[in-house]
PDB file of all heavy atoms in Angstrom:
ATOM      1  N   ASN A   1      15.635  -2.910  -1.498  1.00  0.00           N
ATOM      2  CA  ASN A   1      15.096  -2.723  -2.843  1.00  0.00           C
ATOM      3  C   ASN A   1      13.904  -3.652  -3.036  1.00  0.00           C
ATOM      4  O   ASN A   1      14.005  -4.683  -3.708  1.00  0.00           O
ATOM      5  CB  ASN A   1      16.163  -2.994  -3.905  1.00  0.00           C
ATOM      6  CG  ASN A   1      15.691  -2.597  -5.297  1.00  0.00           C
ATOM      7  OD1 ASN A   1      14.602  -2.032  -5.474  1.00  0.00           O
ATOM      8  ND2 ASN A   1      16.491  -2.906  -6.297  1.00  0.00           N
ATOM      9  N   PRO A   2      12.745  -3.312  -2.434  1.00  0.00           N
ATOM     10  CA  PRO A   2      11.594  -4.220  -2.510  1.00  0.00           C
ATOM     11  C   PRO A   2      11.056  -4.386  -3.928  1.00  0.00           C
ATOM     12  O   PRO A   2      10.478  -5.427  -4.246  1.00  0.00           O
ATOM     13  CB  PRO A   2      10.563  -3.538  -1.602  1.00  0.00           C
ATOM     14  CG  PRO A   2      10.943  -2.096  -1.607  1.00  0.00           C
ATOM     15  CD  PRO A   2      12.436  -2.078  -1.696  1.00  0.00           C
ATOM     16  N   PHE A   3      11.253  -3.388  -4.800  1.00  0.00           N
ATOM     17  CA  PHE A   3      10.714  -3.475  -6.162  1.00  0.00           C
ATOM     18  C   PHE A   3      11.467  -4.505  -7.014  1.00  0.00           C
ATOM     19  O   PHE A   3      10.993  -4.881  -8.085  1.00  0.00           O
ATOM     20  CB  PHE A   3      10.781  -2.102  -6.827  1.00  0.00           C
ATOM     21  CG  PHE A   3       9.913  -1.085  -6.154  1.00  0.00           C
ATOM     22  CD1 PHE A   3      10.447  -0.206  -5.224  1.00  0.00           C
ATOM     23  CD2 PHE A   3       8.554  -1.021  -6.430  1.00  0.00           C
ATOM     24  CE1 PHE A   3       9.637   0.735  -4.588  1.00  0.00           C
ATOM     25  CE2 PHE A   3       7.749  -0.090  -5.806  1.00  0.00           C
ATOM     26  CZ  PHE A   3       8.285   0.792  -4.883  1.00  0.00           C
ATOM     27  N   LYS A   4      12.596  -4.973  -6.509  1.00  0.00           N
ATOM     28  CA  LYS A   4      13.337  -6.012  -7.196  1.00  0.00           C
ATOM     29  C   LYS A   4      12.677  -7.377  -6.982  1.00  0.00           C
ATOM     30  O   LYS A   4      12.885  -8.312  -7.748  1.00  0.00           O
ATOM     31  CB  LYS A   4      14.783  -6.031  -6.701  1.00  0.00           C
ATOM     32  CG  LYS A   4      15.722  -6.896  -7.528  1.00  0.00           C
ATOM     33  CD  LYS A   4      17.142  -6.758  -7.016  1.00  0.00           C
ATOM     34  CE  LYS A   4      18.103  -7.615  -7.846  1.00  0.00           C
ATOM     35  NZ  LYS A   4      19.511  -7.477  -7.364  1.00  0.00           N
ATOM     36  N   TYR A   5      11.883  -7.495  -5.914  1.00  0.00           N
ATOM     37  CA  TYR A   5      11.201  -8.755  -5.588  1.00  0.00           C
ATOM     38  C   TYR A   5       9.722  -8.459  -5.321  1.00  0.00           C
ATOM     39  O   TYR A   5       9.213  -8.701  -4.216  1.00  0.00           O
ATOM     40  CB  TYR A   5      11.842  -9.414  -4.364  1.00  0.00           C
ATOM     41  CG  TYR A   5      13.351  -9.384  -4.395  1.00  0.00           C
ATOM     42  CD1 TYR A   5      14.065  -8.412  -3.686  1.00  0.00           C
ATOM     43  CD2 TYR A   5      14.062 -10.317  -5.133  1.00  0.00           C
ATOM     44  CE1 TYR A   5      15.448  -8.376  -3.718  1.00  0.00           C
ATOM     45  CE2 TYR A   5      15.457 -10.294  -5.172  1.00  0.00           C
ATOM     46  CZ  TYR A   5      16.133  -9.315  -4.465  1.00  0.00           C
ATOM     47  OH  TYR A   5      17.509  -9.279  -4.511  1.00  0.00           O
ATOM     48  N   PRO A   6       8.999  -7.941  -6.296  1.00  0.00           N
ATOM     49  CA  PRO A   6       7.627  -7.464  -6.061  1.00  0.00           C
ATOM     50  C   PRO A   6       6.629  -8.565  -5.740  1.00  0.00           C
ATOM     51  O   PRO A   6       5.605  -8.293  -5.107  1.00  0.00           O
ATOM     52  CB  PRO A   6       7.266  -6.759  -7.373  1.00  0.00           C
ATOM     53  CG  PRO A   6       8.135  -7.407  -8.394  1.00  0.00           C
ATOM     54  CD  PRO A   6       9.414  -7.748  -7.695  1.00  0.00           C
ATOM     55  N   GLN A   7       6.890  -9.785  -6.169  1.00  0.00           N
ATOM     56  CA  GLN A   7       5.955 -10.875  -5.933  1.00  0.00           C
ATOM     57  C   GLN A   7       6.356 -11.767  -4.761  1.00  0.00           C
ATOM     58  O   GLN A   7       5.675 -12.740  -4.476  1.00  0.00           O
ATOM     59  CB  GLN A   7       5.830 -11.741  -7.199  1.00  0.00           C
ATOM     60  CG  GLN A   7       5.323 -10.980  -8.410  1.00  0.00           C
ATOM     61  CD  GLN A   7       3.951 -10.372  -8.165  1.00  0.00           C
ATOM     62  OE1 GLN A   7       3.095 -10.959  -7.499  1.00  0.00           O
ATOM     63  NE2 GLN A   7       3.738  -9.175  -8.719  1.00  0.00           N
ATOM     64  N   HIS A   8       7.451 -11.427  -4.111  1.00  0.00           N
ATOM     65  CA  HIS A   8       7.928 -12.281  -3.023  1.00  0.00           C
ATOM     66  C   HIS A   8       8.102 -11.447  -1.755  1.00  0.00           C
ATOM     67  O   HIS A   8       7.113 -10.945  -1.222  1.00  0.00           O
ATOM     68  CB  HIS A   8       9.236 -12.966  -3.441  1.00  0.00           C
ATOM     69  CG  HIS A   8       9.078 -13.844  -4.643  1.00  0.00           C
ATOM     70  ND1 HIS A   8       8.479 -15.082  -4.587  1.00  0.00           N
ATOM     71  CD2 HIS A   8       9.422 -13.643  -5.950  1.00  0.00           C
ATOM     72  CE1 HIS A   8       8.458 -15.625  -5.798  1.00  0.00           C
ATOM     73  NE2 HIS A   8       9.021 -14.772  -6.645  1.00  0.00           N
ATOM     74  N   ASP A   9       9.330 -11.280  -1.272  1.00  0.00           N
ATOM     75  CA  ASP A   9       9.550 -10.615   0.016  1.00  0.00           C
ATOM     76  C   ASP A   9       9.370  -9.102  -0.044  1.00  0.00           C
ATOM     77  O   ASP A   9       9.272  -8.466   1.005  1.00  0.00           O
ATOM     78  CB  ASP A   9      10.958 -10.957   0.527  1.00  0.00           C
ATOM     79  CG  ASP A   9      11.098 -12.434   0.866  1.00  0.00           C
ATOM     80  OD1 ASP A   9      10.701 -12.830   1.964  1.00  0.00           O
ATOM     81  OD2 ASP A   9      11.571 -13.189  -0.010  1.00  0.00           O
ATOM     82  N   GLY A  10       9.353  -8.527  -1.216  1.00  0.00           N
ATOM     83  CA  GLY A  10       9.111  -7.095  -1.324  1.00  0.00           C
ATOM     84  C   GLY A  10       7.649  -6.729  -1.440  1.00  0.00           C
ATOM     85  O   GLY A  10       7.300  -5.539  -1.451  1.00  0.00           O
ATOM     86  N   TYR A  11       6.774  -7.738  -1.506  1.00  0.00           N
ATOM     87  CA  TYR A  11       5.346  -7.513  -1.741  1.00  0.00           C
ATOM     88  C   TYR A  11       4.712  -6.687  -0.629  1.00  0.00           C
ATOM     89  O   TYR A  11       3.950  -5.738  -0.896  1.00  0.00           O
ATOM     90  CB  TYR A  11       4.640  -8.861  -1.867  1.00  0.00           C
ATOM     91  CG  TYR A  11       3.153  -8.769  -2.083  1.00  0.00           C
ATOM     92  CD1 TYR A  11       2.624  -8.482  -3.336  1.00  0.00           C
ATOM     93  CD2 TYR A  11       2.271  -8.983  -1.023  1.00  0.00           C
ATOM     94  CE1 TYR A  11       1.260  -8.406  -3.539  1.00  0.00           C
ATOM     95  CE2 TYR A  11       0.906  -8.901  -1.207  1.00  0.00           C
ATOM     96  CZ  TYR A  11       0.399  -8.619  -2.465  1.00  0.00           C
ATOM     97  OH  TYR A  11      -0.951  -8.539  -2.659  1.00  0.00           O
ATOM     98  N   GLN A  12       5.004  -7.012   0.626  1.00  0.00           N
ATOM     99  CA  GLN A  12       4.365  -6.315   1.747  1.00  0.00           C
ATOM    100  C   GLN A  12       4.769  -4.846   1.795  1.00  0.00           C
ATOM    101  O   GLN A  12       3.922  -3.966   2.004  1.00  0.00           O
ATOM    102  CB  GLN A  12       4.734  -6.994   3.071  1.00  0.00           C
ATOM    103  CG  GLN A  12       4.010  -6.437   4.277  1.00  0.00           C
ATOM    104  CD  GLN A  12       4.340  -7.194   5.548  1.00  0.00           C
ATOM    105  OE1 GLN A  12       5.355  -7.872   5.627  1.00  0.00           O
ATOM    106  NE2 GLN A  12       3.487  -7.089   6.549  1.00  0.00           N
ATOM    107  N   LEU A  13       6.053  -4.583   1.607  1.00  0.00           N
ATOM    108  CA  LEU A  13       6.525  -3.207   1.666  1.00  0.00           C
ATOM    109  C   LEU A  13       5.958  -2.371   0.518  1.00  0.00           C
ATOM    110  O   LEU A  13       5.566  -1.208   0.704  1.00  0.00           O
ATOM    111  CB  LEU A  13       8.053  -3.191   1.634  1.00  0.00           C
ATOM    112  CG  LEU A  13       8.740  -1.862   1.970  1.00  0.00           C
ATOM    113  CD1 LEU A  13       8.269  -1.341   3.319  1.00  0.00           C
ATOM    114  CD2 LEU A  13      10.253  -2.046   1.982  1.00  0.00           C
ATOM    115  N   ILE A  14       5.870  -2.955  -0.678  1.00  0.00           N
ATOM    116  CA  ILE A  14       5.298  -2.240  -1.827  1.00  0.00           C
ATOM    117  C   ILE A  14       3.820  -1.945  -1.583  1.00  0.00           C
ATOM    118  O   ILE A  14       3.326  -0.862  -1.914  1.00  0.00           O
ATOM    119  CB  ILE A  14       5.487  -3.065  -3.113  1.00  0.00           C
ATOM    120  CG1 ILE A  14       6.979  -3.164  -3.457  1.00  0.00           C
ATOM    121  CG2 ILE A  14       4.725  -2.451  -4.271  1.00  0.00           C
ATOM    122  CD1 ILE A  14       7.270  -4.086  -4.621  1.00  0.00           C
ATOM    123  N   SER A  15       3.107  -2.897  -0.986  1.00  0.00           N
ATOM    124  CA  SER A  15       1.694  -2.667  -0.663  1.00  0.00           C
ATOM    125  C   SER A  15       1.534  -1.522   0.328  1.00  0.00           C
ATOM    126  O   SER A  15       0.586  -0.727   0.245  1.00  0.00           O
ATOM    127  CB  SER A  15       1.076  -3.941  -0.091  1.00  0.00           C
ATOM    128  OG  SER A  15       1.121  -4.997  -1.024  1.00  0.00           O
ATOM    129  N   GLY A  16       2.475  -1.428   1.271  1.00  0.00           N
ATOM    130  CA  GLY A  16       2.442  -0.308   2.213  1.00  0.00           C
ATOM    131  C   GLY A  16       2.656   1.020   1.520  1.00  0.00           C
ATOM    132  O   GLY A  16       1.974   2.008   1.814  1.00  0.00           O
ATOM    133  N   TYR A  17       3.618   1.060   0.596  1.00  0.00           N
ATOM    134  CA  TYR A  17       3.841   2.289  -0.177  1.00  0.00           C
ATOM    135  C   TYR A  17       2.573   2.676  -0.957  1.00  0.00           C
ATOM    136  O   TYR A  17       2.217   3.866  -1.041  1.00  0.00           O
ATOM    137  CB  TYR A  17       4.988   2.086  -1.168  1.00  0.00           C
ATOM    138  CG  TYR A  17       6.355   1.969  -0.527  1.00  0.00           C
ATOM    139  CD1 TYR A  17       7.409   1.353  -1.202  1.00  0.00           C
ATOM    140  CD2 TYR A  17       6.601   2.479   0.745  1.00  0.00           C
ATOM    141  CE1 TYR A  17       8.669   1.245  -0.635  1.00  0.00           C
ATOM    142  CE2 TYR A  17       7.854   2.376   1.326  1.00  0.00           C
ATOM    143  CZ  TYR A  17       8.883   1.754   0.640  1.00  0.00           C
ATOM    144  OH  TYR A  17      10.126   1.664   1.203  1.00  0.00           O
ATOM    145  N   LEU A  18       1.904   1.674  -1.505  1.00  0.00           N
ATOM    146  CA  LEU A  18       0.686   1.936  -2.273  1.00  0.00           C
ATOM    147  C   LEU A  18      -0.402   2.538  -1.382  1.00  0.00           C
ATOM    148  O   LEU A  18      -1.106   3.477  -1.783  1.00  0.00           O
ATOM    149  CB  LEU A  18       0.189   0.641  -2.913  1.00  0.00           C
ATOM    150  CG  LEU A  18      -1.090   0.725  -3.750  1.00  0.00           C
ATOM    151  CD1 LEU A  18      -0.889   1.667  -4.930  1.00  0.00           C
ATOM    152  CD2 LEU A  18      -1.504  -0.671  -4.225  1.00  0.00           C
ATOM    153  N   ALA A  19      -0.526   2.015  -0.167  1.00  0.00           N
ATOM    154  CA  ALA A  19      -1.529   2.546   0.758  1.00  0.00           C
ATOM    155  C   ALA A  19      -1.222   3.991   1.123  1.00  0.00           C
ATOM    156  O   ALA A  19      -2.122   4.841   1.154  1.00  0.00           O
ATOM    157  CB  ALA A  19      -1.577   1.676   2.019  1.00  0.00           C
ATOM    158  N   PHE A  20       0.035   4.283   1.389  1.00  0.00           N
ATOM    159  CA  PHE A  20       0.418   5.664   1.714  1.00  0.00           C
ATOM    160  C   PHE A  20       0.112   6.605   0.557  1.00  0.00           C
ATOM    161  O   PHE A  20      -0.375   7.722   0.755  1.00  0.00           O
ATOM    162  CB  PHE A  20       1.914   5.732   2.061  1.00  0.00           C
ATOM    163  CG  PHE A  20       2.254   5.251   3.444  1.00  0.00           C
ATOM    164  CD1 PHE A  20       3.152   4.210   3.630  1.00  0.00           C
ATOM    165  CD2 PHE A  20       1.680   5.834   4.554  1.00  0.00           C
ATOM    166  CE1 PHE A  20       3.471   3.766   4.898  1.00  0.00           C
ATOM    167  CE2 PHE A  20       1.989   5.401   5.841  1.00  0.00           C
ATOM    168  CZ  PHE A  20       2.888   4.351   6.014  1.00  0.00           C
ATOM    169  N   SER A  21       0.425   6.155  -0.654  1.00  0.00           N
ATOM    170  CA  SER A  21       0.220   7.027  -1.825  1.00  0.00           C
ATOM    171  C   SER A  21      -1.256   7.316  -2.053  1.00  0.00           C
ATOM    172  O   SER A  21      -1.620   8.411  -2.510  1.00  0.00           O
ATOM    173  CB  SER A  21       0.823   6.371  -3.072  1.00  0.00           C
ATOM    174  OG  SER A  21       0.123   5.186  -3.425  1.00  0.00           O
ATOM    175  N   ARG A  22      -2.121   6.372  -1.755  1.00  0.00           N
ATOM    176  CA  ARG A  22      -3.547   6.588  -1.932  1.00  0.00           C
ATOM    177  C   ARG A  22      -4.127   7.541  -0.895  1.00  0.00           C
ATOM    178  O   ARG A  22      -5.133   8.210  -1.138  1.00  0.00           O
ATOM    179  CB  ARG A  22      -4.289   5.254  -1.854  1.00  0.00           C
ATOM    180  CG  ARG A  22      -4.085   4.364  -3.075  1.00  0.00           C
ATOM    181  CD  ARG A  22      -4.733   3.009  -2.859  1.00  0.00           C
ATOM    182  NE  ARG A  22      -4.705   2.203  -4.077  1.00  0.00           N
ATOM    183  CZ  ARG A  22      -5.051   0.904  -4.131  1.00  0.00           C
ATOM    184  NH1 ARG A  22      -5.449   0.289  -3.012  1.00  0.00           N
ATOM    185  NH2 ARG A  22      -5.005   0.247  -5.266  1.00  0.00           N
ATOM    186  N   GLY A  23      -3.498   7.580   0.280  1.00  0.00           N
ATOM    187  CA  GLY A  23      -4.046   8.410   1.356  1.00  0.00           C
ATOM    188  C   GLY A  23      -3.873   9.892   1.152  1.00  0.00           C
ATOM    189  O   GLY A  23      -4.760  10.678   1.507  1.00  0.00           O
ATOM    190  N   GLY A  24      -2.748  10.295   0.577  1.00  0.00           N
ATOM    191  CA  GLY A  24      -2.510  11.719   0.373  1.00  0.00           C
ATOM    192  C   GLY A  24      -2.448  12.480   1.689  1.00  0.00           C
ATOM    193  O   GLY A  24      -1.964  11.988   2.705  1.00  0.00           O
ATOM    194  N   TRP A  25      -2.961  13.714   1.670  1.00  0.00           N
ATOM    195  CA  TRP A  25      -2.928  14.560   2.858  1.00  0.00           C
ATOM    196  C   TRP A  25      -4.026  14.232   3.860  1.00  0.00           C
ATOM    197  O   TRP A  25      -3.787  14.182   5.060  1.00  0.00           O
ATOM    198  CB  TRP A  25      -3.056  16.027   2.442  1.00  0.00           C
ATOM    199  CG  TRP A  25      -1.806  16.593   1.859  1.00  0.00           C
ATOM    200  CD1 TRP A  25      -1.480  16.666   0.543  1.00  0.00           C
ATOM    201  CD2 TRP A  25      -0.705  17.147   2.577  1.00  0.00           C
ATOM    202  NE1 TRP A  25      -0.250  17.236   0.382  1.00  0.00           N
ATOM    203  CE2 TRP A  25       0.259  17.556   1.623  1.00  0.00           C
ATOM    204  CE3 TRP A  25      -0.428  17.359   3.928  1.00  0.00           C
ATOM    205  CZ2 TRP A  25       1.468  18.143   1.975  1.00  0.00           C
ATOM    206  CZ3 TRP A  25       0.778  17.969   4.288  1.00  0.00           C
ATOM    207  CH2 TRP A  25       1.701  18.337   3.319  1.00  0.00           C
ATOM    208  N   LEU A  26      -5.249  14.005   3.396  1.00  0.00           N
ATOM    209  CA  LEU A  26      -6.404  13.842   4.287  1.00  0.00           C
ATOM    210  C   LEU A  26      -6.944  12.429   4.342  1.00  0.00           C
ATOM    211  O   LEU A  26      -7.782  12.122   5.191  1.00  0.00           O
ATOM    212  CB  LEU A  26      -7.516  14.809   3.873  1.00  0.00           C
ATOM    213  CG  LEU A  26      -7.153  16.291   3.905  1.00  0.00           C
ATOM    214  CD1 LEU A  26      -8.317  17.132   3.400  1.00  0.00           C
ATOM    215  CD2 LEU A  26      -6.755  16.724   5.317  1.00  0.00           C
ATOM    216  N   GLY A  27      -6.510  11.545   3.435  1.00  0.00           N
ATOM    217  CA  GLY A  27      -6.968  10.164   3.460  1.00  0.00           C
ATOM    218  C   GLY A  27      -8.301   9.952   2.759  1.00  0.00           C
ATOM    219  O   GLY A  27      -9.000  10.904   2.395  1.00  0.00           O
ATOM    220  N   LEU A  28      -8.666   8.689   2.632  1.00  0.00           N
ATOM    221  CA  LEU A  28      -9.910   8.318   1.958  1.00  0.00           C
ATOM    222  C   LEU A  28     -11.095   8.255   2.908  1.00  0.00           C
ATOM    223  O   LEU A  28     -12.230   8.105   2.470  1.00  0.00           O
ATOM    224  CB  LEU A  28      -9.736   6.959   1.271  1.00  0.00           C
ATOM    225  CG  LEU A  28      -8.596   6.834   0.255  1.00  0.00           C
ATOM    226  CD1 LEU A  28      -8.518   5.412  -0.290  1.00  0.00           C
ATOM    227  CD2 LEU A  28      -8.784   7.835  -0.876  1.00  0.00           C
ATOM    228  N   GLY A  29     -10.820   8.336   4.212  1.00  0.00           N
ATOM    229  CA  GLY A  29     -11.892   8.199   5.198  1.00  0.00           C
ATOM    230  C   GLY A  29     -11.766   6.887   5.947  1.00  0.00           C
ATOM    231  O   GLY A  29     -11.401   5.853   5.362  1.00  0.00           O
ATOM    232  N   ILE A  30     -12.074   6.899   7.224  1.00  0.00           N
ATOM    233  CA  ILE A  30     -11.963   5.687   8.053  1.00  0.00           C
ATOM    234  C   ILE A  30     -12.912   4.615   7.533  1.00  0.00           C
ATOM    235  O   ILE A  30     -14.104   4.848   7.343  1.00  0.00           O
ATOM    236  CB  ILE A  30     -12.267   6.017   9.528  1.00  0.00           C
ATOM    237  CG1 ILE A  30     -11.217   6.967  10.077  1.00  0.00           C
ATOM    238  CG2 ILE A  30     -12.308   4.737  10.367  1.00  0.00           C
ATOM    239  CD1 ILE A  30     -11.457   7.406  11.495  1.00  0.00           C
ATOM    240  N   GLY A  31     -12.361   3.432   7.294  1.00  0.00           N
ATOM    241  CA  GLY A  31     -13.126   2.310   6.761  1.00  0.00           C
ATOM    242  C   GLY A  31     -13.173   2.260   5.250  1.00  0.00           C
ATOM    243  O   GLY A  31     -13.675   1.279   4.683  1.00  0.00           O
ATOM    244  N   GLN A  32     -12.661   3.297   4.574  1.00  0.00           N
ATOM    245  CA  GLN A  32     -12.765   3.366   3.115  1.00  0.00           C
ATOM    246  C   GLN A  32     -11.514   2.876   2.391  1.00  0.00           C
ATOM    247  O   GLN A  32     -11.471   2.891   1.165  1.00  0.00           O
ATOM    248  CB  GLN A  32     -13.042   4.820   2.685  1.00  0.00           C
ATOM    249  CG  GLN A  32     -14.285   5.418   3.301  1.00  0.00           C
ATOM    250  CD  GLN A  32     -15.531   4.611   2.973  1.00  0.00           C
ATOM    251  OE1 GLN A  32     -15.762   4.228   1.829  1.00  0.00           O
ATOM    252  NE2 GLN A  32     -16.339   4.335   4.002  1.00  0.00           N
ATOM    253  N   GLY A  33     -10.499   2.464   3.135  1.00  0.00           N
ATOM    254  CA  GLY A  33      -9.269   1.991   2.499  1.00  0.00           C
ATOM    255  C   GLY A  33      -9.497   0.716   1.700  1.00  0.00           C
ATOM    256  O   GLY A  33     -10.286  -0.150   2.092  1.00  0.00           O
ATOM    257  N   GLU A  34      -8.805   0.585   0.590  1.00  0.00           N
ATOM    258  CA  GLU A  34      -8.961  -0.575  -0.294  1.00  0.00           C
ATOM    259  C   GLU A  34      -7.766  -1.528  -0.225  1.00  0.00           C
ATOM    260  O   GLU A  34      -7.924  -2.725  -0.449  1.00  0.00           O
ATOM    261  CB  GLU A  34      -9.155  -0.108  -1.736  1.00  0.00           C
ATOM    262  CG  GLU A  34     -10.414   0.716  -1.951  1.00  0.00           C
ATOM    263  CD  GLU A  34     -10.572   1.152  -3.398  1.00  0.00           C
ATOM    264  OE1 GLU A  34      -9.702   0.776  -4.209  1.00  0.00           O
ATOM    265  OE2 GLU A  34     -11.548   1.853  -3.711  1.00  0.00           O
ATOM    266  N   THR A  35      -6.587  -1.007   0.076  1.00  0.00           N
ATOM    267  CA  THR A  35      -5.384  -1.838   0.072  1.00  0.00           C
ATOM    268  C   THR A  35      -5.487  -2.960   1.089  1.00  0.00           C
ATOM    269  O   THR A  35      -5.013  -4.073   0.861  1.00  0.00           O
ATOM    270  CB  THR A  35      -4.145  -0.970   0.353  1.00  0.00           C
ATOM    271  OG1 THR A  35      -4.158   0.176  -0.479  1.00  0.00           O
ATOM    272  CG2 THR A  35      -2.863  -1.754   0.106  1.00  0.00           C
ATOM    273  N   LYS A  36      -6.112  -2.692   2.236  1.00  0.00           N
ATOM    274  CA  LYS A  36      -6.245  -3.701   3.284  1.00  0.00           C
ATOM    275  C   LYS A  36      -7.082  -4.899   2.810  1.00  0.00           C
ATOM    276  O   LYS A  36      -6.918  -6.012   3.316  1.00  0.00           O
ATOM    277  CB  LYS A  36      -6.903  -3.083   4.517  1.00  0.00           C
ATOM    278  CG  LYS A  36      -8.337  -2.620   4.249  1.00  0.00           C
ATOM    279  CD  LYS A  36      -8.906  -1.842   5.403  1.00  0.00           C
ATOM    280  CE  LYS A  36     -10.324  -1.363   5.089  1.00  0.00           C
ATOM    281  NZ  LYS A  36     -10.865  -0.478   6.112  1.00  0.00           N
ATOM    282  N   ARG A  37      -7.962  -4.685   1.852  1.00  0.00           N
ATOM    283  CA  ARG A  37      -8.853  -5.755   1.394  1.00  0.00           C
ATOM    284  C   ARG A  37      -8.178  -6.689   0.411  1.00  0.00           C
ATOM    285  O   ARG A  37      -8.539  -7.862   0.311  1.00  0.00           O
ATOM    286  CB  ARG A  37     -10.097  -5.157   0.736  1.00  0.00           C
ATOM    287  CG  ARG A  37     -10.922  -4.280   1.655  1.00  0.00           C
ATOM    288  CD  ARG A  37     -12.169  -3.767   0.957  1.00  0.00           C
ATOM    289  NE  ARG A  37     -13.058  -4.843   0.547  1.00  0.00           N
ATOM    290  CZ  ARG A  37     -14.206  -4.670  -0.084  1.00  0.00           C
ATOM    291  NH1 ARG A  37     -14.605  -3.443  -0.380  1.00  0.00           N
ATOM    292  NH2 ARG A  37     -14.945  -5.696  -0.434  1.00  0.00           N
ATOM    293  N   TYR A  38      -7.175  -6.188  -0.303  1.00  0.00           N
ATOM    294  CA  TYR A  38      -6.648  -6.982  -1.411  1.00  0.00           C
ATOM    295  C   TYR A  38      -5.152  -7.285  -1.317  1.00  0.00           C
ATOM    296  O   TYR A  38      -4.732  -8.380  -1.670  1.00  0.00           O
ATOM    297  CB  TYR A  38      -6.917  -6.247  -2.739  1.00  0.00           C
ATOM    298  CG  TYR A  38      -8.366  -5.903  -2.950  1.00  0.00           C
ATOM    299  CD1 TYR A  38      -8.799  -4.577  -2.911  1.00  0.00           C
ATOM    300  CD2 TYR A  38      -9.310  -6.896  -3.180  1.00  0.00           C
ATOM    301  CE1 TYR A  38     -10.132  -4.252  -3.109  1.00  0.00           C
ATOM    302  CE2 TYR A  38     -10.649  -6.582  -3.365  1.00  0.00           C
ATOM    303  CZ  TYR A  38     -11.050  -5.263  -3.336  1.00  0.00           C
ATOM    304  OH  TYR A  38     -12.377  -4.954  -3.523  1.00  0.00           O
TER     305      TYR A  38
END
């Protein structure tokens, strides 16, 4: 349950979910991802 600890040990897994959700079917384009920057 990473959302129970969003600022601690669940932070990395939630960030991964966020990246997947932004990509959708075709993605944003190579080099255009934002989650990796922040």
